[in-house]
Amino acid sequence: MKFAFIRCRVIFIMQISFFAKVVLFLTLYCISDLSIKNNILRKVMNRANRAKKI
């Protein structure tokens, strides 16, 4: 019985770890995606501000 409890506990910890990895990966992906979009937007705005006004 004790072995089964320890085994279930290890599996539960591994599942939490996998879930944490997925959440971490998704947050890093979203942060990098936002960073890339902000960088592109900043470049476009700078280019628009430097353009000659007609």
C-alpha atoms as a PDB file:
ATOM      1  CA  MET A   1       0.000   0.000   0.000  1.00  0.00           C
ATOM      2  CA  LYS A   2       2.808   2.380   0.880  1.00  0.00           C
ATOM      3  CA  PHE A   3       4.551   1.676  -2.444  1.00  0.00           C
ATOM      4  CA  ALA A   4       1.343   2.445  -4.357  1.00  0.00           C
ATOM      5  CA  PHE A   5       0.934   5.742  -2.477  1.00  0.00           C
ATOM      6  CA  ILE A   6       4.509   6.768  -3.242  1.00  0.00           C
ATOM      7  CA  ARG A   7       4.070   5.771  -6.879  1.00  0.00           C
ATOM      8  CA  CYS A   8       0.862   7.809  -7.215  1.00  0.00           C
ATOM      9  CA  ARG A   9       2.551  10.750  -5.539  1.00  0.00           C
ATOM     10  CA  VAL A  10       5.514  10.609  -7.937  1.00  0.00           C
ATOM     11  CA  ILE A  11       3.177  10.459 -10.941  1.00  0.00           C
ATOM     12  CA  PHE A  12       1.210  13.425  -9.539  1.00  0.00           C
ATOM     13  CA  ILE A  13       4.408  15.449  -9.092  1.00  0.00           C
ATOM     14  CA  MET A  14       5.502  14.566 -12.637  1.00  0.00           C
ATOM     15  CA  GLN A  15       2.137  15.731 -13.984  1.00  0.00           C
ATOM     16  CA  ILE A  16       2.416  19.012 -12.112  1.00  0.00           C
ATOM     17  CA  SER A  17       5.918  19.412 -13.469  1.00  0.00           C
ATOM     18  CA  PHE A  18       4.717  18.792 -17.027  1.00  0.00           C
ATOM     19  CA  PHE A  19       1.851  21.260 -16.540  1.00  0.00           C
ATOM     20  CA  ALA A  20       4.289  23.830 -15.155  1.00  0.00           C
ATOM     21  CA  LYS A  21       6.563  23.324 -18.169  1.00  0.00           C
ATOM     22  CA  VAL A  22       3.659  23.857 -20.553  1.00  0.00           C
ATOM     23  CA  VAL A  23       2.559  27.025 -18.751  1.00  0.00           C
ATOM     24  CA  LEU A  24       6.124  28.343 -18.677  1.00  0.00           C
ATOM     25  CA  PHE A  25       6.587  27.616 -22.376  1.00  0.00           C
ATOM     26  CA  LEU A  26       3.337  29.368 -23.271  1.00  0.00           C
ATOM     27  CA  THR A  27       4.154  32.437 -21.177  1.00  0.00           C
ATOM     28  CA  LEU A  28       7.623  32.690 -22.691  1.00  0.00           C
ATOM     29  CA  TYR A  29       6.129  32.343 -26.167  1.00  0.00           C
ATOM     30  CA  CYS A  30       3.560  35.080 -25.488  1.00  0.00           C
ATOM     31  CA  ILE A  31       6.159  37.413 -23.987  1.00  0.00           C
ATOM     32  CA  SER A  32       8.548  36.940 -26.910  1.00  0.00           C
ATOM     33  CA  ASP A  33       5.693  37.347 -29.394  1.00  0.00           C
ATOM     34  CA  LEU A  34       4.664  40.621 -27.728  1.00  0.00           C
ATOM     35  CA  SER A  35       8.264  41.783 -27.672  1.00  0.00           C
ATOM     36  CA  ILE A  36       8.690  41.091 -31.384  1.00  0.00           C
ATOM     37  CA  LYS A  37       5.417  42.865 -32.214  1.00  0.00           C
ATOM     38  CA  ASN A  38       6.373  45.901 -30.096  1.00  0.00           C
ATOM     39  CA  ASN A  39       9.796  46.041 -31.732  1.00  0.00           C
ATOM     40  CA  ILE A  40       8.273  45.974 -35.226  1.00  0.00           C
ATOM     41  CA  LEU A  41       5.693  48.596 -34.241  1.00  0.00           C
ATOM     42  CA  ARG A  42       8.419  50.848 -32.804  1.00  0.00           C
ATOM     43  CA  LYS A  43      10.462  50.587 -36.037  1.00  0.00           C
ATOM     44  CA  VAL A  44       7.421  51.377 -38.177  1.00  0.00           C
ATOM     45  CA  MET A  45       6.515  54.383 -36.020  1.00  0.00           C
ATOM     46  CA  ASN A  46      10.090  55.716 -36.160  1.00  0.00           C
ATOM     47  CA  ARG A  47      10.145  55.287 -39.938  1.00  0.00           C
ATOM     48  CA  ALA A  48       6.788  57.051 -40.245  1.00  0.00           C
ATOM     49  CA  ASN A  49       7.967  59.939 -38.074  1.00  0.00           C
ATOM     50  CA  ARG A  50      11.162  60.345 -40.159  1.00  0.00           C
ATOM     51  CA  ALA A  51       9.267  60.297 -43.465  1.00  0.00           C
ATOM     52  CA  LYS A  52       8.854  63.580 -45.322  1.00  0.00           C
ATOM     53  CA  LYS A  53       5.525  65.162 -44.749  1.00  0.00           C
ATOM     54  CA  ILE A  54       3.683  66.125 -47.921  1.00  0.00           C
END
